[in-house]
Amino acid sequence: MPNIASARKRNRQNIKARARNRAAKSAVRTQIRRLDAAMAAGDNAVITAEFRATVKRLDQTAAKGIIHRNVASRTKSRLSARVKAVQTGTVKKVETAKK
């Protein structure tokens, strides 16, 4: 435990920031799981809505610096390719993301 007041304050700030960052990352992962579920169901309207929500969440998280902008871009690109494949019918069954 730090003895200097500024170090104690920085420790408190780090704990709060870590909680915020973990919550934001968790929200992104949850949104991606919702998109996976929509793709498994196969309803194009729901897939489009969930994809838009996922992209928005990724952009917001990257804008806050919680994830790197290139990570957000790469994730959006990969999700976009999967969505397109499902909507055009080139993929019969979508497997959920495994981590």
Protein backbone atom coordinates (compact mmCIF):
# COMPACT_ATOMS: atom_id res chain seq x y z
CA MET A 1 0.00 0.00 0.00
CA PRO A 2 1.43 3.39 -0.96
CA ASN A 3 2.37 5.85 1.77
CA ILE A 4 2.33 9.04 -0.31
CA ALA A 5 -1.02 10.74 -0.73
CA SER A 6 -0.69 11.21 -4.48
CA ALA A 7 0.18 7.53 -4.88
CA ARG A 8 -2.88 6.54 -2.83
CA LYS A 9 -5.05 8.75 -5.02
CA ARG A 10 -3.53 7.32 -8.20
CA ASN A 11 -4.25 3.83 -6.85
CA ARG A 12 -7.91 4.75 -6.28
CA GLN A 13 -8.14 6.21 -9.79
CA ASN A 14 -6.59 3.10 -11.30
CA ILE A 15 -9.10 0.85 -9.55
CA LYS A 16 -12.03 2.91 -10.85
CA ALA A 17 -10.61 3.08 -14.38
CA ARG A 18 -9.99 -0.67 -14.40
CA ALA A 19 -13.60 -1.32 -13.41
CA ARG A 20 -14.86 1.01 -16.18
CA ASN A 21 -12.59 -0.57 -18.77
CA ARG A 22 -13.57 -4.11 -17.79
CA ALA A 23 -17.25 -3.20 -18.01
CA ALA A 24 -16.80 -1.64 -21.45
CA LYS A 25 -14.88 -4.64 -22.78
CA SER A 26 -17.48 -6.98 -21.35
CA ALA A 27 -20.24 -4.98 -23.06
CA VAL A 28 -18.43 -5.32 -26.39
CA ARG A 29 -18.08 -9.09 -25.96
CA THR A 30 -21.75 -9.37 -24.97
CA GLN A 31 -22.80 -7.41 -28.05
CA ILE A 32 -20.69 -9.69 -30.26
CA ARG A 33 -22.38 -12.72 -28.68
CA ARG A 34 -25.77 -11.16 -29.46
CA LEU A 35 -24.68 -10.73 -33.07
CA ASP A 36 -23.56 -14.37 -33.17
CA ALA A 37 -26.95 -15.44 -31.87
CA ALA A 38 -28.71 -13.35 -34.50
CA MET A 39 -26.57 -14.91 -37.23
CA ALA A 40 -27.37 -18.37 -35.92
CA ALA A 41 -31.08 -17.52 -36.07
CA GLY A 42 -30.70 -16.24 -39.62
CA ASP A 43 -33.09 -13.26 -39.56
CA ASN A 44 -31.52 -10.60 -41.79
CA ALA A 45 -33.28 -7.65 -40.15
CA VAL A 46 -32.10 -8.68 -36.70
CA ILE A 47 -28.60 -9.39 -38.00
CA THR A 48 -28.37 -5.92 -39.52
CA ALA A 49 -29.60 -4.23 -36.35
CA GLU A 50 -27.22 -6.19 -34.13
CA PHE A 51 -24.30 -5.55 -36.48
CA ARG A 52 -24.94 -1.81 -36.38
CA ALA A 53 -25.12 -1.90 -32.58
CA THR A 54 -21.90 -3.92 -32.41
CA VAL A 55 -20.03 -1.53 -34.69
CA LYS A 56 -21.24 1.42 -32.65
CA ARG A 57 -20.12 -0.20 -29.41
CA LEU A 58 -16.70 -1.02 -30.87
CA ASP A 59 -16.25 2.55 -32.13
CA GLN A 60 -17.25 4.02 -28.77
CA THR A 61 -14.85 1.75 -26.92
CA ALA A 62 -12.01 2.61 -29.29
CA ALA A 63 -12.76 6.33 -29.06
CA LYS A 64 -12.36 6.17 -25.30
CA GLY A 65 -9.03 4.39 -25.70
CA ILE A 66 -10.21 1.24 -23.96
CA ILE A 67 -9.29 -0.83 -27.00
CA HIS A 68 -6.95 0.21 -29.79
CA ARG A 69 -8.58 1.64 -32.90
CA ASN A 70 -6.90 -0.99 -35.08
CA VAL A 71 -8.35 -3.75 -32.91
CA ALA A 72 -11.81 -2.23 -33.34
CA SER A 73 -11.30 -1.91 -37.09
CA ARG A 74 -10.05 -5.48 -37.45
CA THR A 75 -12.96 -6.82 -35.40
CA LYS A 76 -15.49 -4.85 -37.45
CA SER A 77 -13.96 -6.14 -40.67
CA ARG A 78 -14.09 -9.76 -39.56
CA LEU A 79 -17.66 -9.42 -38.29
CA SER A 80 -18.69 -7.70 -41.51
CA ALA A 81 -17.33 -10.58 -43.58
CA ARG A 82 -19.21 -13.09 -41.42
CA VAL A 83 -22.45 -11.09 -41.62
CA LYS A 84 -22.15 -10.80 -45.39
CA ALA A 85 -21.53 -14.53 -45.72
CA VAL A 86 -24.60 -15.34 -43.62
CA GLN A 87 -26.84 -12.86 -45.42
CA THR A 88 -25.83 -14.01 -48.89
CA GLY A 89 -26.27 -17.63 -47.89
CA THR A 90 -22.72 -18.78 -48.59
CA VAL A 91 -22.46 -20.11 -45.04
CA LYS A 92 -25.04 -22.59 -43.88
CA LYS A 93 -24.32 -22.68 -40.17
CA VAL A 94 -22.56 -20.07 -38.08
CA GLU A 95 -20.45 -21.21 -35.18
CA THR A 96 -20.39 -18.96 -32.17
CA ALA A 97 -17.16 -17.20 -31.37
CA LYS A 98 -14.90 -19.26 -29.13
CA LYS A 99 -12.53 -17.65 -26.74
